[in-house]
Protein backbone atom coordinates (compact mmCIF):
# COMPACT_ATOMS: atom_id res chain seq x y z
CA UNK A 1 56.68 97.00 122.14
CA UNK A 2 58.66 96.56 118.85
CA UNK A 3 61.78 97.34 118.59
CA UNK A 4 62.17 100.66 117.22
CA UNK A 5 60.51 101.55 120.92
CA UNK A 6 62.54 99.70 122.88
CA UNK A 7 66.03 101.23 120.92
CA UNK A 8 64.22 104.69 121.54
CA UNK A 9 63.24 103.49 125.76
CA UNK A 10 67.11 101.76 126.24
CA UNK A 11 68.68 105.30 124.46
CA UNK A 12 66.47 107.05 126.62
CA UNK A 13 67.11 105.39 129.96
CA UNK A 14 70.99 105.47 128.99
CA UNK A 15 70.89 109.38 127.91
CA UNK A 16 72.61 108.17 124.62
CA UNK A 17 72.64 109.69 121.27
CA UNK A 18 72.27 108.37 118.24
CA UNK A 19 75.87 109.20 117.47
CA UNK A 20 76.84 107.97 120.42
CA UNK A 21 75.31 104.77 119.71
CA UNK A 22 76.16 104.70 116.39
CA UNK A 23 79.55 105.09 116.84
CA UNK A 24 79.54 102.15 118.98
CA UNK A 25 78.32 99.58 117.09
CA UNK A 26 80.15 101.06 113.54
CA UNK A 27 77.60 102.50 111.74
CA UNK A 28 76.74 105.77 110.40
CA UNK A 29 73.68 107.86 112.70
CA UNK A 30 71.08 107.56 109.87
CA UNK A 31 71.43 103.77 110.18
CA UNK A 32 70.48 104.46 113.55
CA UNK A 33 67.51 106.98 112.60
CA UNK A 34 65.70 104.40 110.53
CA UNK A 35 65.55 101.49 113.00
CA UNK A 36 63.90 103.88 114.74
CA UNK A 37 61.63 104.75 112.47
CA UNK A 38 61.07 101.45 110.99
CA UNK A 39 62.56 101.74 107.46
CA UNK A 40 65.12 99.64 107.90
CA UNK A 41 66.28 96.40 110.35
CA UNK A 42 70.13 95.64 111.58
CA UNK A 43 71.87 92.87 110.96
CA UNK A 44 72.30 89.97 113.85
CA UNK A 45 75.60 90.75 114.33
CA UNK A 46 74.61 94.19 115.19
CA UNK A 47 71.46 93.40 117.50
CA UNK A 48 73.47 91.41 119.27
CA UNK A 49 75.82 93.78 119.55
CA UNK A 50 72.98 96.38 121.03
CA UNK A 51 72.04 93.42 123.35
CA UNK A 52 75.41 93.59 124.94
CA UNK A 53 75.59 97.59 124.71
CA UNK A 54 72.62 97.97 127.26
CA UNK A 55 72.10 94.50 128.89
CA UNK A 56 69.10 92.53 127.61
CA UNK A 57 68.11 89.85 125.87
CA UNK A 58 67.51 89.67 122.13
CA UNK A 59 64.21 88.69 122.62
CA UNK A 60 63.78 91.26 124.87
CA UNK A 61 65.08 93.61 122.62
CA UNK A 62 63.39 92.43 119.49
CA UNK A 63 59.69 91.39 120.13
CA UNK A 64 59.73 92.09 124.15
CA UNK A 65 59.15 95.03 126.49
CA UNK A 66 61.99 96.39 128.02
CA UNK A 67 60.63 99.08 129.96
CA UNK A 68 58.15 96.66 131.51
CA UNK A 69 60.80 94.07 132.46
CA UNK A 70 62.73 96.81 133.92
CA UNK A 71 59.81 97.97 136.18
CA UNK A 72 59.77 101.34 134.60
CA UNK A 73 57.44 102.63 131.99
CA UNK A 74 58.05 104.88 129.31
CA UNK A 75 57.34 108.02 131.33
CA UNK A 76 58.20 109.42 134.31
CA UNK A 77 55.47 110.64 136.74
CA UNK A 78 53.38 111.11 133.15
CA UNK A 79 56.21 112.77 131.16
CA UNK A 80 57.12 111.60 128.17
CA UNK A 81 61.01 110.12 128.45
CA UNK A 82 63.13 112.51 126.04
CA UNK A 83 65.19 110.86 123.55
CA UNK A 84 68.63 112.67 124.01
CA UNK A 85 69.91 114.38 121.11
CA UNK A 86 72.81 116.54 120.86
CA UNK A 87 76.65 116.46 118.70
CA UNK A 88 77.99 113.43 117.96
CA UNK A 89 80.71 112.45 120.75
CA UNK A 90 83.16 109.93 120.77
CA UNK A 91 81.60 106.73 122.27
CA UNK A 92 83.86 104.12 120.65
CA UNK A 93 87.36 105.21 122.01
CA UNK A 94 88.49 106.89 119.05
CA UNK A 95 90.53 108.82 120.27
CA UNK A 96 92.08 107.43 122.87
CA UNK A 97 93.16 104.55 120.26
CA UNK A 98 94.50 107.77 118.18
CA UNK A 99 96.43 108.85 121.27
CA UNK A 100 98.16 105.62 121.79
CA UNK A 101 99.03 105.46 118.38
CA UNK A 102 100.33 108.90 118.17
CA UNK A 103 102.88 108.24 120.79
CA UNK A 104 103.71 104.34 119.88
CA UNK A 105 104.92 105.26 116.56
CA UNK A 106 107.34 107.91 116.89
CA UNK A 107 108.64 106.57 120.04
CA UNK A 108 109.68 103.35 117.91
CA UNK A 109 110.55 105.10 115.59
CA UNK A 110 112.71 107.36 118.27
CA UNK A 111 114.04 104.03 120.26
CA UNK A 112 116.31 103.31 116.69
CA UNK A 113 118.00 107.03 116.38
CA UNK A 114 118.44 106.59 120.28
CA UNK A 115 120.11 103.23 120.01
CA UNK A 116 121.92 104.40 117.10
CA UNK A 117 123.32 107.31 119.21
CA UNK A 118 124.56 105.10 122.04
CA UNK A 119 125.90 102.56 119.96
CA UNK A 120 128.15 105.55 118.75
CA UNK A 121 129.98 105.81 122.06
CA UNK A 122 131.30 102.44 122.02
CA UNK A 123 132.43 102.49 118.01
CA UNK A 124 135.38 100.32 117.85
CA UNK A 125 135.69 99.64 121.56
CA UNK A 126 134.32 96.85 122.36
CA UNK A 127 134.76 92.99 120.48
CA UNK A 128 133.50 89.00 121.30
CA UNK A 129 135.51 86.48 121.14
CA UNK A 130 137.99 87.77 119.05
CA UNK A 131 135.53 89.15 116.50
CA UNK A 132 135.21 92.51 115.15
CA UNK A 133 135.24 95.77 117.00
CA UNK A 134 132.21 96.75 116.69
CA UNK A 135 130.35 93.65 117.66
CA UNK A 136 128.17 95.71 120.82
CA UNK A 137 127.80 98.41 118.02
CA UNK A 138 125.57 96.38 116.27
CA UNK A 139 123.67 95.14 118.73
CA UNK A 140 122.70 98.07 120.06
CA UNK A 141 121.59 99.34 116.57
CA UNK A 142 119.78 95.84 116.37
CA UNK A 143 118.27 96.64 119.86
CA UNK A 144 116.94 99.71 119.10
CA UNK A 145 115.01 98.00 115.79
CA UNK A 146 113.42 95.32 118.45
CA UNK A 147 112.22 98.06 120.36
CA UNK A 148 110.81 99.94 118.13
CA UNK A 149 109.01 96.80 116.38
CA UNK A 150 108.50 96.23 119.91
CA UNK A 151 105.87 99.32 119.54
CA UNK A 152 105.01 99.48 115.73
CA UNK A 153 104.00 95.45 115.56
CA UNK A 154 101.24 95.87 117.78
CA UNK A 155 100.31 99.19 117.67
CA UNK A 156 99.38 98.32 113.98
CA UNK A 157 97.22 94.70 115.30
CA UNK A 158 95.49 96.89 117.57
CA UNK A 159 94.80 99.96 114.67
CA UNK A 160 93.59 97.11 112.51
CA UNK A 161 91.48 95.45 115.13
CA UNK A 162 89.96 98.75 115.59
CA UNK A 163 89.18 99.80 112.10
CA UNK A 164 87.62 96.80 111.50
CA UNK A 165 85.49 96.99 114.49
CA UNK A 166 84.62 100.39 113.89
CA UNK A 167 84.71 101.08 110.12
CA UNK A 168 82.58 104.33 109.97
CA UNK A 169 83.26 107.22 112.45
CA UNK A 170 80.84 110.26 112.90
CA UNK A 171 82.83 113.48 113.23
CA UNK A 172 82.63 114.58 116.95
CA UNK A 173 85.35 116.78 116.99
CA UNK A 174 84.54 120.67 117.00
CA UNK A 175 86.70 123.45 115.40
CA UNK A 176 89.02 124.82 118.49
CA UNK A 177 89.64 121.06 119.11
CA UNK A 178 91.26 121.44 115.28
CA UNK A 179 92.61 124.92 115.70
CA UNK A 180 94.13 123.54 119.47
CA UNK A 181 96.27 120.61 117.48
CA UNK A 182 97.13 122.37 114.73
CA UNK A 183 98.85 125.45 117.42
CA UNK A 184 100.38 122.13 118.86
CA UNK A 185 101.85 120.94 115.75
CA UNK A 186 103.19 124.49 115.13
CA UNK A 187 105.79 124.70 118.84
CA UNK A 188 105.83 121.24 118.02
CA UNK A 189 107.81 121.98 114.70
CA UNK A 190 109.70 124.68 115.45
CA UNK A 191 110.87 122.75 119.25
CA UNK A 192 111.86 119.87 116.97
CA UNK A 193 113.91 122.07 114.53
CA UNK A 194 115.01 123.28 117.77
CA UNK A 195 116.38 120.22 119.10
CA UNK A 196 117.82 119.04 116.00
CA UNK A 197 119.78 122.42 115.76
CA UNK A 198 121.27 121.95 118.81
CA UNK A 199 122.26 118.55 117.80
CA UNK A 200 124.53 119.92 114.68
CA UNK A 201 125.55 122.52 116.97
CA UNK A 202 126.84 119.87 119.00
CA UNK A 203 128.66 117.56 116.14
CA UNK A 204 130.01 120.85 115.40
CA UNK A 205 131.93 121.37 118.37
CA UNK A 206 132.64 118.05 119.78
CA UNK A 207 133.55 116.84 116.38
CA UNK A 208 136.15 119.18 115.69
CA UNK A 209 138.63 116.39 118.23
CA UNK A 210 138.93 112.90 117.07
CA UNK A 211 139.03 112.18 121.07
CA UNK A 212 134.94 113.61 121.29
CA UNK A 213 133.72 112.98 118.22
CA UNK A 214 131.96 109.66 119.25
CA UNK A 215 130.10 112.24 121.61
CA UNK A 216 129.25 114.43 119.34
CA UNK A 217 127.80 111.84 117.51
CA UNK A 218 125.48 110.49 119.83
CA UNK A 219 124.22 113.83 120.95
CA UNK A 220 122.97 114.67 117.58
CA UNK A 221 121.19 111.65 117.84
CA UNK A 222 119.64 112.10 120.45
CA UNK A 223 118.33 115.29 119.88
CA UNK A 224 117.17 114.21 116.16
CA UNK A 225 115.38 111.30 117.65
CA UNK A 226 113.58 113.87 119.83
CA UNK A 227 113.03 116.64 117.68
CA UNK A 228 111.61 113.69 115.07
CA UNK A 229 109.10 112.16 117.98
CA UNK A 230 108.00 115.92 118.93
CA UNK A 231 107.04 116.35 115.20
CA UNK A 232 106.11 112.78 114.18
CA UNK A 233 103.58 112.44 117.46
CA UNK A 234 101.69 115.83 116.87
CA UNK A 235 101.42 115.47 113.41
CA UNK A 236 99.82 112.30 113.71
CA UNK A 237 97.25 113.99 116.74
CA UNK A 238 96.42 116.72 114.39
CA UNK A 239 95.90 114.02 111.49
CA UNK A 240 93.69 112.01 113.73
CA UNK A 241 91.12 114.60 113.26
CA UNK A 242 90.69 113.47 109.17
CA UNK A 243 87.64 111.62 109.89
CA UNK A 244 86.92 111.48 106.34
CA UNK A 245 90.62 109.85 105.89
CA UNK A 246 90.22 107.42 108.91
CA UNK A 247 86.54 106.18 107.45
CA UNK A 248 88.15 106.29 103.59
CA UNK A 249 91.09 104.27 104.68
CA UNK A 250 88.77 102.08 106.73
CA UNK A 251 86.78 101.15 103.52
CA UNK A 252 90.37 100.15 101.70
CA UNK A 253 90.90 97.90 104.36
CA UNK A 254 87.47 96.14 104.17
CA UNK A 255 86.35 93.25 101.92
CA UNK A 256 83.29 93.90 99.35
CA UNK A 257 80.95 91.91 100.62
CA UNK A 258 81.52 93.58 103.92
CA UNK A 259 81.04 96.80 102.30
CA UNK A 260 78.07 95.77 101.19
CA UNK A 261 76.79 93.93 104.11
CA UNK A 262 77.39 97.23 105.99
CA UNK A 263 75.37 99.46 108.18
CA UNK A 264 75.67 102.85 106.41
CA UNK A 265 73.35 105.15 103.96
CA UNK A 266 73.25 103.59 100.88
CA UNK A 267 75.30 107.22 99.23
CA UNK A 268 78.06 106.23 101.99
CA UNK A 269 77.63 102.34 100.51
CA UNK A 270 77.98 103.40 97.14
CA UNK A 271 80.89 105.69 97.46
CA UNK A 272 82.95 103.03 99.60
CA UNK A 273 82.30 100.11 96.73
CA UNK A 274 83.21 102.88 94.27
CA UNK A 275 85.88 103.27 95.99
CA UNK A 276 87.12 100.05 96.24
CA UNK A 277 86.78 99.47 92.53
CA UNK A 278 88.73 102.70 91.53
CA UNK A 279 91.55 100.96 94.10
CA UNK A 280 91.49 97.59 91.98
CA UNK A 281 91.03 98.41 88.68
CA UNK A 282 94.36 101.34 89.93
CA UNK A 283 96.28 98.14 91.53
CA UNK A 284 95.59 95.61 88.23
CA UNK A 285 97.11 99.26 85.80
CA UNK A 286 100.41 99.73 87.65
CA UNK A 287 100.77 96.15 87.93
CA UNK A 288 100.76 96.04 84.51
CA UNK A 289 102.46 99.61 83.84
CA UNK A 290 105.51 97.54 86.79
CA UNK A 291 105.63 94.37 84.40
CA UNK A 292 105.90 96.07 81.53
CA UNK A 293 108.79 98.11 83.11
CA UNK A 294 110.41 95.24 84.37
CA UNK A 295 110.62 93.99 80.36
CA UNK A 296 112.15 97.01 79.14
CA UNK A 297 114.38 96.84 81.81
CA UNK A 298 115.73 93.74 81.15
CA UNK A 299 115.67 93.82 77.79
CA UNK A 300 118.46 97.45 77.57
CA UNK A 301 120.19 95.14 79.93
CA UNK A 302 120.58 91.78 77.89
CA UNK A 303 120.00 92.82 73.88
CA UNK A 304 123.12 94.67 73.82
CA UNK A 305 124.91 91.27 75.12
CA UNK A 306 123.31 89.18 72.99
CA UNK A 307 123.41 91.89 69.89
CA UNK A 308 127.49 91.99 69.92
CA UNK A 309 129.53 89.81 67.76
CA UNK A 310 131.58 88.46 70.82
CA UNK A 311 129.39 88.45 74.54
CA UNK A 312 132.88 87.98 76.22
CA UNK A 313 134.30 91.95 74.98
CA UNK A 314 130.80 92.94 75.92
CA UNK A 315 131.47 96.68 77.78
CA UNK A 316 128.14 97.59 79.83
CA UNK A 317 129.76 101.55 80.19
CA UNK A 318 128.77 103.95 77.47
CA UNK A 319 125.78 101.62 76.19
CA UNK A 320 121.48 101.38 76.47
CA UNK A 321 122.42 98.51 79.23
CA UNK A 322 124.09 100.96 82.16
CA UNK A 323 120.52 102.18 81.82
CA UNK A 324 118.33 99.10 82.04
CA UNK A 325 117.31 100.63 85.85
CA UNK A 326 115.65 104.01 84.71
CA UNK A 327 112.55 101.78 83.48
CA UNK A 328 111.75 101.30 86.72
CA UNK A 329 111.88 105.01 88.62
CA UNK A 330 109.89 105.74 84.97
CA UNK A 331 107.23 102.77 85.74
CA UNK A 332 106.44 104.26 88.92
CA UNK A 333 106.10 107.84 87.80
CA UNK A 334 103.76 107.10 85.28
CA UNK A 335 101.87 104.59 88.20
CA UNK A 336 101.52 108.19 90.15
CA UNK A 337 100.38 110.16 87.02
CA UNK A 338 97.78 107.26 86.30
CA UNK A 339 96.07 107.29 90.06
CA UNK A 340 96.02 111.08 90.21
CA UNK A 341 94.18 111.02 86.37
CA UNK A 342 92.03 108.48 88.16
CA UNK A 343 91.21 110.56 91.11
CA UNK A 344 90.72 113.78 89.43
CA UNK A 345 87.59 112.00 87.17
CA UNK A 346 86.62 109.69 89.87
CA UNK A 347 85.89 113.42 91.74
CA UNK A 348 84.09 114.88 88.82
CA UNK A 349 81.82 111.66 88.96
């Protein structure tokens, strides 16, 4: 038996589809199809990963006979073992990973709002070693920031590692899955807005009296935190089903060499390379635009100073110098226009 027969037999004995193996390896289903049709051959890192998945040696996989080594022929009672096929499934843990992200990110954001709300209760009521009376309030807000970072930083690192390990995911979500996620998001939006309205009502009721104003602010922030958590979480749960966007983001994170060596279809690889080059061009153009905006802004600021007869009498009010900051927003808008135009022309091609 050769590699293609061994791979087919290993998939059959594990009842694993091509889509499932492809997602475990971070390649497209078409790549696995080509391997089993002897039209292409996986790279060494993919071969080693296949050995890990099926618990066999590299020699046995490439040149051996895994069926004979297992004391098992590729048929059972004279009947050929069918190679399983079926719809794509989540075999690499993508859904679980995205659910983890959809919990940690909104929880980190809500932590800051909750700690700010608690901090309002202690506004001006505590000082440390004769310092500012708002010391405890500041400490609680900083604690909220630390809690947010404790959720966000590990989540970001895990997401980057996951994208590098799985640069391409075959879409396995069904229309029923998407419809359910949309319903959940619509309910979350309604519940989140309702929670925010409750918070606003609290500040309107408690804020009328100076003695209860801090309690009102605290309740406002707590209900806002709840509303934000619901909307962000279920928004991310719906967004996780946009597999095309995930694959696009993963391609942006990869280096050009990684894209060239990726075990994906030629059309997918070409699209990833074109997108990477387009992003580099866009970055260079926007960088040049913002440098020009900076030069123009500095010119608007300093030229009137040097052109005045007596620089000490220069008054920025009523001169072009007061508009120097406009250069950066204008530069940003131009960058946005360029990005939209480049995206439109690239789609036409």
